């Protein structure tokens, strides 16, 4: 159940409204083109289930800016079929951060490209900027840029998870939605659990991850658990500047045998 949904619409503008305590997703765009959202306020309790702020799927040419999002799930959720999405000057929190995915559920094909998230403030969110895919999917996430993002008391500010599972356990499957070309620039602030988590697939490693100007420091407050180090698995890319803390687990260069893009991955 959504408070407000647009389907198959073109040149949509949503501005100057507030959506409060939606039963689930607050604002949804499905199969739309030419969407502009600005000066919007969304608010629901942080413990409310499935209350995404703005949900996008199969939508192109989307601009979201100067908006305040507080909810119990993703502030903005970007699903399959989305391209040319520009998000900037957004406040997010509480919530689960800004997420691409989950993609590829039930062995489906997912394609997402040309997404920019910049000049964003995250406050007490579960993750900051996240890409999440289910095992068994196919397709490609490419051309992603996260830039100038301030994290404040965020559990895990940077995350790619190709083993996403929203229940106790999920079946292990070898295929995955490929992730290639993800830029992280000037991401700074505090975390409460882990600064970065790159969990990528053996069969389809993450490639062309670039890190520039990353400065994430643990929040030393007694009620938080001992913070963990960055985690990487099958994640490849470049460190353009030293990071704080050092993300030395990122493997430099490209995966062996250039396993990144196959016919399985093409969109």
Foldseek 3Di string as FASTA:
>chain_A
DECEEDELEEQAEAADEEFEDTLAAHYEYYLYENYEYAHYEYYYDLCRPRHADYEYELYEQYEYAHYEAEYNEEVYEAEFNYEHYEYAHYEYDAYAEHEDDQYCPPQEEGEYEQYEYEHYEYEQYAEHYEYEYDANYAAEYEHYEYEHYEYEAYAEHAEYYQHDDPDPDDDDHQDTAAYEHYEYYQYEYEHQAEHYEADAGPQAAYYAYEYYNAAYYYDPDVVGDDYDYYYHDSAEHYYPDAHVVGPVVHHYDADPPNSHDDPRHHD
